Protein backbone atom coordinates (compact mmCIF):
# COMPACT_ATOMS: atom_id res chain seq x y z
CA MET A 1 25.29 -35.57 -3.91
CA LYS A 2 28.37 -37.10 -1.96
CA ASN A 3 29.63 -34.88 1.02
CA SER A 4 33.01 -33.48 0.68
CA TYR A 5 33.70 -34.31 4.24
CA HIS A 6 37.32 -35.01 4.97
CA ILE A 7 38.92 -36.56 8.06
CA THR A 8 42.89 -37.14 8.50
CA GLN A 9 43.97 -40.72 9.00
CA GLN A 10 45.14 -41.94 12.59
CA THR A 11 48.82 -42.26 12.91
CA ASN A 12 48.89 -45.44 14.92
CA PRO A 13 51.85 -47.31 16.08
CA ASP A 14 50.17 -50.53 15.35
CA ASP A 15 51.16 -51.54 11.87
CA SER A 16 47.96 -53.74 11.15
CA ALA A 17 46.06 -52.89 7.88
CA GLU A 18 42.79 -52.36 9.87
CA SER A 19 44.35 -49.44 12.10
CA ASP A 20 45.42 -47.66 8.93
CA ARG A 21 41.76 -47.45 7.74
CA ILE A 22 40.47 -45.99 10.96
CA SER A 23 40.52 -42.19 11.13
CA GLU A 24 41.09 -40.03 14.36
CA SER A 25 37.58 -38.82 13.91
CA GLN A 26 35.95 -42.23 13.94
CA ILE A 27 38.05 -42.95 17.32
CA ILE A 28 36.72 -40.02 18.86
CA GLU A 29 33.24 -40.76 17.61
CA ALA A 30 33.47 -44.36 18.89
CA LEU A 31 34.63 -43.06 22.41
CA LEU A 32 31.75 -40.67 22.47
CA PHE A 33 29.28 -43.10 21.50
CA SER A 34 30.42 -45.73 24.26
CA SER A 35 30.86 -43.27 27.06
CA GLN A 36 28.05 -42.85 29.61
CA GLN A 37 29.53 -39.51 30.69
CA SER A 38 31.06 -36.57 28.93
CA LEU A 39 34.71 -36.87 28.04
CA THR A 40 37.32 -34.15 28.52
CA ILE A 41 40.00 -33.10 25.93
CA GLN A 42 42.69 -34.77 28.13
CA GLN A 43 40.79 -37.90 28.23
CA ILE A 44 40.23 -37.98 24.53
CA SER A 45 43.95 -37.09 24.06
CA LYS A 46 45.05 -39.96 26.28
CA VAL A 47 43.15 -42.59 24.43
CA THR A 48 43.74 -41.29 20.88
CA GLY A 49 47.17 -40.21 21.43
CA ILE A 50 46.34 -36.88 19.75
CA LYS A 51 48.58 -34.32 21.59
CA HIS A 52 47.00 -30.96 20.69
CA SER A 53 43.82 -29.89 22.07
CA LYS A 54 43.16 -27.52 19.28
CA LYS A 55 43.31 -30.48 16.92
CA ILE A 56 40.75 -32.59 19.13
CA ARG A 57 38.37 -29.36 19.16
CA LYS A 58 38.64 -29.24 15.27
CA LEU A 59 37.85 -32.86 14.87
CA LEU A 60 34.91 -32.45 17.24
CA GLU A 61 33.76 -29.52 15.11
CA GLU A 62 34.14 -31.42 11.93
CA LEU A 63 32.11 -34.33 13.21
CA ASN A 64 29.30 -31.90 14.29
CA HIS A 65 29.26 -30.41 10.91
CA PHE A 66 29.16 -33.62 9.28
CA TYR A 67 26.07 -34.44 11.50
CA ARG A 68 24.34 -31.29 10.62
CA GLU A 69 25.12 -31.56 6.77
CA ASN A 70 23.77 -35.10 6.87
CA GLU A 71 20.91 -34.29 9.17
CA ARG A 72 21.93 -36.95 11.80
CA ALA A 73 19.86 -37.55 14.79
CA PHE A 74 22.72 -36.65 17.24
CA HIS A 75 25.23 -34.06 17.84
CA ILE A 76 28.22 -33.46 20.14
CA GLN A 77 27.44 -31.09 23.02
CA GLN A 78 29.80 -29.47 25.50
CA VAL A 79 28.72 -30.39 28.72
CA ALA A 80 30.33 -30.72 32.28
CA ASP A 81 33.80 -29.51 30.83
CA GLY A 82 33.92 -32.15 28.32
CA TYR A 83 32.00 -33.36 25.25
CA GLN A 84 29.15 -35.81 24.85
CA LEU A 85 27.11 -37.27 22.05
CA ARG A 86 23.48 -36.11 22.49
CA THR A 87 20.26 -36.84 20.63
CA GLU A 88 18.73 -34.10 18.74
CA THR A 89 15.56 -32.76 20.68
CA ARG A 90 13.05 -33.33 17.70
CA PHE A 91 13.56 -37.21 18.25
CA GLN A 92 12.43 -36.84 21.97
CA LYS A 93 8.83 -38.23 21.61
CA TRP A 94 10.17 -41.46 19.90
CA ILE A 95 12.90 -41.89 22.41
CA LYS A 96 10.50 -41.62 25.31
CA LYS A 97 8.15 -44.24 23.56
CA GLY A 98 11.24 -46.58 23.06
CA ARG A 99 12.82 -46.06 26.50
CA ILE A 100 12.93 -49.61 28.31
CA VAL A 101 14.60 -48.16 31.33
CA LYS A 102 12.45 -45.90 33.14
CA PRO A 103 13.86 -42.25 33.59
CA VAL A 104 14.85 -40.98 36.93
CA GLN A 105 11.81 -39.02 38.51
CA LEU A 106 12.42 -36.37 41.11
CA SER A 107 9.58 -35.08 43.45
CA GLN A 108 9.05 -31.32 43.66
CA SER A 109 10.65 -30.96 46.92
CA VAL A 110 13.79 -32.90 45.49
CA MET A 111 13.96 -30.78 42.67
CA GLU A 112 13.68 -27.54 44.87
CA THR A 113 16.57 -28.74 46.91
CA LEU A 114 18.60 -29.28 43.98
CA SER A 115 17.95 -26.05 42.53
CA ILE A 116 18.89 -24.47 45.98
CA ILE A 117 22.25 -26.33 45.81
CA ALA A 118 22.96 -25.48 42.19
CA TYR A 119 22.45 -21.87 42.77
CA GLN A 120 23.77 -21.60 46.32
CA GLN A 121 26.67 -23.91 46.50
CA PRO A 122 28.62 -24.67 48.49
CA VAL A 123 25.76 -24.86 50.91
CA THR A 124 25.09 -26.55 54.11
CA ARG A 125 21.91 -28.56 55.09
CA ALA A 126 20.88 -25.64 57.43
CA GLU A 127 21.07 -23.22 54.75
CA ILE A 128 18.89 -25.30 52.53
CA GLU A 129 16.38 -25.62 55.21
CA ASP A 130 16.48 -21.79 55.90
CA ILE A 131 15.39 -21.25 52.39
CA ARG A 132 12.88 -24.09 52.08
CA THR A 133 11.64 -24.02 55.75
CA VAL A 134 11.38 -27.90 55.71
CA ASP A 135 13.67 -30.75 56.76
CA ALA A 136 16.19 -31.44 53.69
CA THR A 137 17.45 -34.81 54.94
CA TYR A 138 15.49 -37.00 52.68
CA ALA A 139 16.00 -34.78 49.66
CA LEU A 140 19.81 -34.49 50.29
CA ARG A 141 19.90 -38.44 50.67
CA THR A 142 17.84 -38.98 47.55
CA LEU A 143 20.17 -36.58 45.44
CA LEU A 144 23.42 -38.19 46.84
CA ASN A 145 22.12 -41.59 45.99
CA LYS A 146 21.17 -40.37 42.32
CA LYS A 147 24.82 -38.81 42.29
CA LEU A 148 23.21 -35.46 41.12
CA ILE A 149 25.06 -33.73 44.17
CA ARG A 150 28.27 -34.29 46.14
CA ILE A 151 30.00 -33.39 49.26
CA LEU A 152 32.32 -30.63 48.86
CA GLY A 153 33.92 -30.50 52.40
CA ARG A 154 32.90 -29.19 55.65
CA LYS A 155 32.13 -25.37 56.46
CA GLU A 156 34.58 -23.92 59.05
CA ILE A 157 32.07 -22.85 61.52
CA MET A 158 30.89 -24.54 64.71
CA GLY A 159 29.85 -28.16 64.27
CA ARG A 160 31.79 -28.16 60.65
CA PRO A 161 28.59 -29.00 58.93
CA LEU A 162 28.82 -30.71 55.47
CA LEU A 163 28.92 -28.40 52.15
CA TYR A 164 27.02 -29.59 49.33
CA GLY A 165 27.45 -28.78 45.64
CA SER A 166 26.38 -30.15 42.19
CA SER A 167 28.10 -33.10 40.52
CA LYS A 168 29.39 -33.56 37.07
CA LEU A 169 26.45 -35.84 36.43
CA PHE A 170 24.02 -32.88 37.20
CA LEU A 171 25.66 -30.96 34.65
CA GLU A 172 25.51 -33.93 32.04
CA VAL A 173 21.73 -34.55 32.91
CA PHE A 174 20.72 -30.96 32.47
CA GLY A 175 23.06 -30.25 29.63
CA PHE A 176 25.08 -27.48 31.04
CA ASN A 177 28.95 -27.17 30.42
CA SER A 178 29.50 -25.38 33.79
CA ILE A 179 27.46 -23.92 36.84
CA SER A 180 27.77 -20.39 35.04
CA ASP A 181 25.57 -21.78 32.26
CA LEU A 182 22.57 -21.93 34.68
CA PRO A 183 19.96 -19.47 33.88
CA ARG A 184 19.91 -16.64 36.14
CA PRO A 185 16.91 -15.34 37.82
CA GLU A 186 16.88 -12.28 35.92
CA ASP A 187 16.56 -14.04 32.77
CA PHE A 188 13.26 -14.90 33.73
CA ASP A 189 10.46 -12.23 33.35
CA ILE A 190 8.42 -13.37 36.41
CA MET A 191 6.42 -9.98 36.22
CA SER A 192 4.76 -11.03 32.94
CA THR A 193 3.15 -14.10 34.17
CA PRO A 194 -0.59 -13.71 34.85
């Protein structure tokens, strides 16, 4: 049975016959597909010429509805204050088998440092070391090199140490729209673990 999915035509100043056959949804889909990072409504608007953010959100919802209805292997997810095309988790084992580029591996100490930064930001190296009770230089360097954290500025205390916080890439990698989406410690029932 054919899907009754409908998308409005792109109103493009270019008069070529090809541009008349390309819909706004197709342009948004192509942008998301080709982008390595999430795209904000403003970025999508700038490229497509669609002025109203409400219309862009509606087109994104329609695309997601189309993907669900047709059982596609991907969906559009809101992450890092933008939108990104993501593969459905049920295809993860095949993606792992077919991955040519090895995924980024983080040691336990680097992950612990990243967790502290995510939950305590903005935070200084000394504050991280107070929590972890070990030197954080290597972990901070690793996280900065991988662009999972960023320098937010300097703390207004003696010595003016650097302040660290999570990056947009951190949100994208872990699938969060904003830091407020991080699971809170009270969400975990620690007492129930044997």
